Amino acid sequence: MFAVRGRFLIARNVLKCWALVAVVGVVLGAAGWKLGGYRVSILFAGAVVLLAAAIYAYADRIVMGMLGARELVQGEAPALHSTVERLASAAGVVKPKLYVLPDSYPRALSSGRGAGGGSGIAVSVGLMGVASPAELEGIVAHELAHIRHRDVLLQTVVVVLAMSVVELSRVGGALQRALLFVLAPLAASFVHLMLSPKREYAADRAAAELCSSPHGLADALLRLEQAMQLVPFEASPATEPLYTMNPFAEKGLGALFDSHPPIGERVKRLRELDPDWRARLAA
């Protein structure tokens, strides 16, 4: 059952990526035709193909560079590397590169192509400092599930395009705020059109299977939710789909780009995967 569901998720995400490239190519090709005939049309469509190829080849490095992450060498965190290698083997994916985000806000994310390689997982210094081994394992397993399902490919493409749309507001000079007022909802609508919150539930279930327990991830989600209220965090809200949970306050631009289901519902579903946990805890 899980294998069938996993293949369906992979096929859906790959088809969405192809559809996205095709639609953008057709739109820009049509614009080029109006501007200068078939030569300009071919030029615009070719640019879309080259851009798609570049994002596919360098997806993880593009996103990690945008976020200021650096590669985490094995000597800095041997236990974490060992955990990632073990879980990646269990998930049937090539071990992703590990990156570190040099800030105190507890967060994690993944980006890249998918199970065959070219993907990366980033964890913050803050997360490594506060998460227990079981919680960190649950978060890593969740991100590996996104990689296995190719969610990571679709999320990376969507985030790169959404960030590009939002950044266009900067060319407005004095009109920057007005442009942002128009472009941010447009980018957010694109994010919600392409990404379903159900992908998080599927990744949570897969993570519970990889860890043979849902409680490490459930505890980690609760810890991250508490951290959001204590530690300030600033970044482009367009990056929200990449994270294990929404790290932005649910107001302003952060609310527009929220593509994650409620933490309470995710924790509830995870606990239900092991309905006898309270009885065992009491004993």
Protein backbone atom coordinates (compact mmCIF):
# COMPACT_ATOMS: atom_id res chain seq x y z
CA MET A 1 0.00 0.00 0.00
CA PHE A 2 2.74 2.41 0.93
CA ALA A 3 4.68 1.58 -2.25
CA VAL A 4 1.63 2.32 -4.40
CA ARG A 5 0.94 5.57 -2.56
CA GLY A 6 4.60 6.58 -2.86
CA ARG A 7 4.67 5.96 -6.61
CA PHE A 8 1.51 8.04 -7.01
CA LEU A 9 3.06 10.95 -5.08
CA ILE A 10 6.24 10.79 -7.16
CA ALA A 11 4.32 10.71 -10.45
CA ARG A 12 2.10 13.60 -9.38
CA ASN A 13 5.04 15.82 -8.43
CA VAL A 14 7.02 15.05 -11.59
CA LEU A 15 3.97 15.77 -13.75
CA LYS A 16 3.40 19.07 -11.96
CA CYS A 17 7.00 20.08 -12.65
CA TRP A 18 6.70 19.23 -16.34
CA ALA A 19 3.35 21.04 -16.54
CA LEU A 20 4.86 24.10 -14.88
CA VAL A 21 7.75 24.24 -17.36
CA ALA A 22 5.37 23.70 -20.29
CA VAL A 23 2.95 26.44 -19.20
CA VAL A 24 5.69 29.00 -18.57
CA GLY A 25 7.33 28.08 -21.88
CA VAL A 26 4.08 28.46 -23.81
CA VAL A 27 3.21 31.80 -22.16
CA LEU A 28 6.64 33.32 -22.77
CA GLY A 29 6.76 31.80 -26.25
CA ALA A 30 3.44 33.45 -27.07
CA ALA A 31 4.69 36.76 -25.68
CA GLY A 32 7.82 36.46 -27.82
CA TRP A 33 5.68 35.76 -30.89
CA LYS A 34 3.72 38.96 -30.28
CA LEU A 35 6.89 40.97 -29.74
CA GLY A 36 9.01 39.76 -32.63
CA GLY A 37 7.73 36.71 -34.42
CA TYR A 38 8.95 33.13 -34.30
CA ARG A 39 12.62 34.01 -33.66
CA VAL A 40 11.85 35.87 -30.44
CA SER A 41 9.32 33.19 -29.52
CA ILE A 42 11.96 30.46 -29.85
CA LEU A 43 14.43 32.58 -27.87
CA PHE A 44 12.00 33.05 -24.98
CA ALA A 45 10.95 29.39 -24.92
CA GLY A 46 14.60 28.30 -25.10
CA ALA A 47 15.41 30.54 -22.14
CA VAL A 48 12.71 28.78 -20.11
CA VAL A 49 14.18 25.37 -20.98
CA LEU A 50 17.69 26.51 -20.01
CA LEU A 51 16.42 27.99 -16.75
CA ALA A 52 14.55 24.76 -15.93
CA ALA A 53 17.67 22.72 -16.66
CA ALA A 54 19.79 24.98 -14.42
CA ILE A 55 17.31 24.73 -11.54
CA TYR A 56 17.16 20.95 -11.94
CA ALA A 57 20.96 20.57 -12.01
CA TYR A 58 21.78 23.00 -9.20
CA ALA A 59 18.53 23.12 -7.21
CA ASP A 60 20.00 22.35 -3.81
CA ARG A 61 22.93 24.75 -4.19
CA ILE A 62 20.69 27.55 -5.47
CA VAL A 63 18.36 27.38 -2.46
CA MET A 64 21.11 26.83 0.11
CA GLY A 65 23.02 29.78 -1.30
CA MET A 66 19.91 31.98 -1.08
CA LEU A 67 19.50 31.04 2.58
CA GLY A 68 23.17 31.48 3.51
CA ALA A 69 23.69 27.80 4.39
CA ARG A 70 27.10 26.15 4.20
CA GLU A 71 27.95 22.48 3.82
CA LEU A 72 28.25 20.62 7.12
CA VAL A 73 31.34 18.40 6.97
CA GLN A 74 31.28 15.02 8.66
CA GLY A 75 33.82 15.96 11.32
CA GLU A 76 31.55 18.72 12.65
CA ALA A 77 28.54 16.47 13.26
CA PRO A 78 29.44 12.77 12.87
CA ALA A 79 26.32 11.57 14.73
CA LEU A 80 24.01 13.57 12.47
CA HIS A 81 25.79 12.33 9.34
CA SER A 82 25.42 8.76 10.61
CA THR A 83 21.70 9.28 11.25
CA VAL A 84 21.14 10.72 7.78
CA GLU A 85 23.08 7.89 6.14
CA ARG A 86 21.12 5.22 8.05
CA LEU A 87 17.72 6.75 7.33
CA ALA A 88 18.57 7.48 3.69
CA SER A 89 19.47 3.82 3.23
CA ALA A 90 16.18 2.76 4.84
CA ALA A 91 14.27 5.20 2.63
CA GLY A 92 16.03 3.99 -0.52
CA VAL A 93 17.45 7.39 -1.45
CA VAL A 94 20.96 8.62 -2.15
CA LYS A 95 22.32 10.29 0.96
CA PRO A 96 21.69 14.03 0.56
CA LYS A 97 24.31 16.64 1.32
CA LEU A 98 24.09 18.16 4.79
CA TYR A 99 24.10 21.92 5.28
CA VAL A 100 24.04 24.11 8.36
CA LEU A 101 22.16 27.38 8.80
CA PRO A 102 24.22 29.67 11.07
CA ASP A 103 21.44 31.03 13.26
CA SER A 104 19.78 30.18 16.56
CA TYR A 105 16.25 29.65 15.24
CA PRO A 106 15.44 25.89 15.35
CA ARG A 107 14.53 24.94 11.79
CA ALA A 108 15.24 22.42 9.05
CA LEU A 109 14.52 22.22 5.33
CA SER A 110 15.32 20.25 2.22
CA SER A 111 15.83 21.17 -1.43
CA GLY A 112 17.05 19.57 -4.62
CA ARG A 113 15.99 16.97 -7.18
CA GLY A 114 14.91 13.83 -5.40
CA ALA A 115 15.83 10.29 -4.45
CA GLY A 116 18.50 9.81 -7.12
CA GLY A 117 20.82 12.47 -5.75
CA GLY A 118 21.34 16.20 -6.07
CA SER A 119 19.42 17.00 -2.88
CA GLY A 120 20.36 18.59 0.41
CA ILE A 121 19.06 18.88 3.95
CA ALA A 122 19.84 21.92 6.07
CA VAL A 123 19.55 22.17 9.84
CA SER A 124 20.17 25.26 11.90
CA VAL A 125 22.65 25.61 14.74
CA GLY A 126 19.67 26.33 16.97
CA LEU A 127 17.96 23.05 16.05
CA MET A 128 21.08 20.98 16.72
CA GLY A 129 21.40 22.70 20.08
CA VAL A 130 17.88 22.05 21.40
CA ALA A 131 16.52 18.92 19.70
CA SER A 132 16.94 15.53 21.31
CA PRO A 133 18.40 12.72 19.15
CA ALA A 134 14.93 11.22 18.62
CA GLU A 135 13.50 14.61 17.61
CA LEU A 136 16.35 15.31 15.22
CA GLU A 137 15.93 11.84 13.73
CA GLY A 138 12.22 12.49 13.19
CA ILE A 139 12.89 15.79 11.43
CA VAL A 140 15.57 14.25 9.20
CA ALA A 141 13.22 11.38 8.33
CA HIS A 142 10.49 13.86 7.43
CA GLU A 143 12.82 15.70 5.04
CA LEU A 144 14.02 12.41 3.54
CA ALA A 145 10.39 11.50 2.90
CA HIS A 146 10.01 14.74 0.92
CA ILE A 147 13.10 13.76 -1.07
CA ARG A 148 11.79 10.25 -1.74
CA HIS A 149 8.39 11.55 -2.87
CA ARG A 150 10.00 14.22 -5.10
CA ASP A 151 8.12 16.87 -3.11
CA VAL A 152 11.51 18.49 -2.77
CA LEU A 153 11.84 19.02 -6.54
CA LEU A 154 8.45 20.68 -6.85
CA GLN A 155 8.93 22.73 -3.67
CA THR A 156 12.32 23.97 -4.84
CA VAL A 157 11.05 25.04 -8.26
CA VAL A 158 7.99 26.75 -6.75
CA VAL A 159 10.03 28.57 -4.10
CA VAL A 160 12.66 29.81 -6.59
CA LEU A 161 9.93 31.17 -8.89
CA ALA A 162 7.92 32.68 -6.02
CA MET A 163 11.01 34.38 -4.58
CA SER A 164 11.82 35.77 -8.04
CA VAL A 165 8.32 37.23 -8.35
CA VAL A 166 8.52 38.82 -4.89
CA GLU A 167 11.99 40.22 -5.60
CA LEU A 168 10.64 41.95 -8.71
CA SER A 169 9.03 44.48 -6.37
CA ARG A 170 12.51 45.84 -5.59
CA VAL A 171 12.80 47.36 -9.07
CA GLY A 172 9.92 49.67 -8.29
CA GLY A 173 11.91 52.23 -6.33
CA ALA A 174 9.36 54.52 -4.70
CA LEU A 175 6.63 52.16 -5.89
CA GLN A 176 8.20 49.14 -4.16
CA ARG A 177 5.48 48.82 -1.52
CA ALA A 178 2.71 49.07 -4.10
CA LEU A 179 4.37 46.46 -6.30
CA LEU A 180 4.85 44.16 -3.32
CA PHE A 181 1.16 44.55 -2.50
CA VAL A 182 0.37 43.19 -5.98
CA LEU A 183 3.17 40.68 -6.54
CA ALA A 184 3.20 38.98 -3.12
CA PRO A 185 -0.42 37.72 -3.34
CA LEU A 186 0.30 36.61 -6.92
CA ALA A 187 3.32 34.58 -5.79
CA ALA A 188 1.39 33.19 -2.80
CA SER A 189 -1.48 32.09 -5.05
CA PHE A 190 1.03 30.27 -7.24
CA VAL A 191 2.46 28.50 -4.17
CA HIS A 192 -0.98 27.34 -3.00
CA LEU A 193 -1.94 26.23 -6.51
CA MET A 194 1.11 23.98 -6.85
CA LEU A 195 1.59 22.70 -3.28
CA SER A 196 -0.99 20.82 -1.25
CA PRO A 197 -0.79 20.65 2.58
CA LYS A 198 -1.43 16.91 2.19
CA ARG A 199 2.22 16.47 1.21
CA GLU A 200 3.16 17.18 4.84
CA TYR A 201 0.81 14.50 6.20
CA ALA A 202 2.30 11.98 3.75
CA ALA A 203 5.86 12.94 4.76
CA ASP A 204 4.91 12.65 8.45
CA ARG A 205 3.57 9.12 7.92
CA ALA A 206 6.66 8.09 5.99
CA ALA A 207 8.92 9.56 8.68
CA ALA A 208 7.11 7.57 11.36
CA GLU A 209 7.70 4.40 9.36
CA LEU A 210 11.37 5.17 8.83
CA CYS A 211 11.90 5.82 12.55
CA SER A 212 9.63 2.96 13.67
CA SER A 213 7.89 5.53 15.89
CA PRO A 214 5.87 8.70 15.27
CA HIS A 215 6.75 10.35 18.58
CA GLY A 216 10.17 11.79 17.79
CA LEU A 217 8.72 13.88 14.97
CA ALA A 218 5.59 14.76 16.98
CA ASP A 219 7.73 16.00 19.88
CA ALA A 220 9.95 17.93 17.45
CA LEU A 221 6.96 19.71 15.91
CA LEU A 222 5.78 20.80 19.36
CA ARG A 223 9.27 22.03 20.22
CA LEU A 224 9.51 24.01 16.98
CA GLU A 225 6.10 25.54 17.59
CA GLN A 226 7.22 26.72 21.04
CA ALA A 227 10.46 28.10 19.61
CA MET A 228 8.54 30.23 17.11
CA GLN A 229 7.12 32.20 20.02
CA LEU A 230 10.50 32.73 21.72
CA VAL A 231 13.10 33.29 19.00
CA PRO A 232 12.81 36.05 16.37
CA PHE A 233 13.04 34.90 12.76
CA GLU A 234 13.33 36.86 9.52
CA ALA A 235 13.60 35.54 5.96
CA SER A 236 11.70 35.70 2.70
CA PRO A 237 8.19 34.30 3.36
CA ALA A 238 8.34 32.72 -0.10
CA THR A 239 10.71 30.10 1.37
CA GLU A 240 7.96 28.81 3.72
CA PRO A 241 7.18 25.60 1.78
CA LEU A 242 10.75 24.33 2.25
CA TYR A 243 10.63 24.08 6.04
CA THR A 244 9.45 21.21 8.24
CA MET A 245 6.83 23.60 9.62
CA ASN A 246 5.91 27.23 8.98
CA PRO A 247 8.52 29.29 10.89
CA PHE A 248 6.80 32.60 10.19
CA ALA A 249 4.24 34.31 12.37
CA GLU A 250 0.78 33.89 10.88
CA LYS A 251 0.36 37.52 9.91
CA GLY A 252 1.35 39.71 6.99
CA LEU A 253 3.32 38.02 4.21
CA GLY A 254 4.02 35.02 6.43
CA ALA A 255 0.31 34.17 6.48
CA LEU A 256 -0.01 34.54 2.70
CA PHE A 257 2.58 31.84 1.95
CA ASP A 258 1.57 29.34 4.66
CA SER A 259 1.38 25.97 2.88
CA HIS A 260 1.56 23.72 5.99
CA PRO A 261 -1.37 22.18 7.85
CA PRO A 262 -1.88 23.11 11.53
CA ILE A 263 0.73 21.69 13.92
CA GLY A 264 -1.97 20.39 16.26
CA GLU A 265 -3.55 18.31 13.50
CA ARG A 266 -0.18 16.93 12.39
CA VAL A 267 0.73 15.92 15.95
CA LYS A 268 -2.72 14.36 16.44
CA ARG A 269 -2.35 12.25 13.31
CA LEU A 270 1.14 11.16 14.31
CA ARG A 271 0.03 10.11 17.79
CA GLU A 272 -2.84 8.13 16.27
CA LEU A 273 -0.29 5.98 14.44
CA ASP A 274 0.59 4.59 17.89
CA PRO A 275 -2.71 4.66 19.81
CA ASP A 276 -1.36 2.79 22.84
CA TRP A 277 1.45 5.23 23.62
CA ARG A 278 -0.33 6.82 26.59
CA ALA A 279 -0.93 3.46 28.24
CA ARG A 280 2.71 2.47 27.82
CA LEU A 281 3.83 5.84 29.18
CA ALA A 282 1.62 5.47 32.26
CA ALA A 283 2.96 1.97 32.90
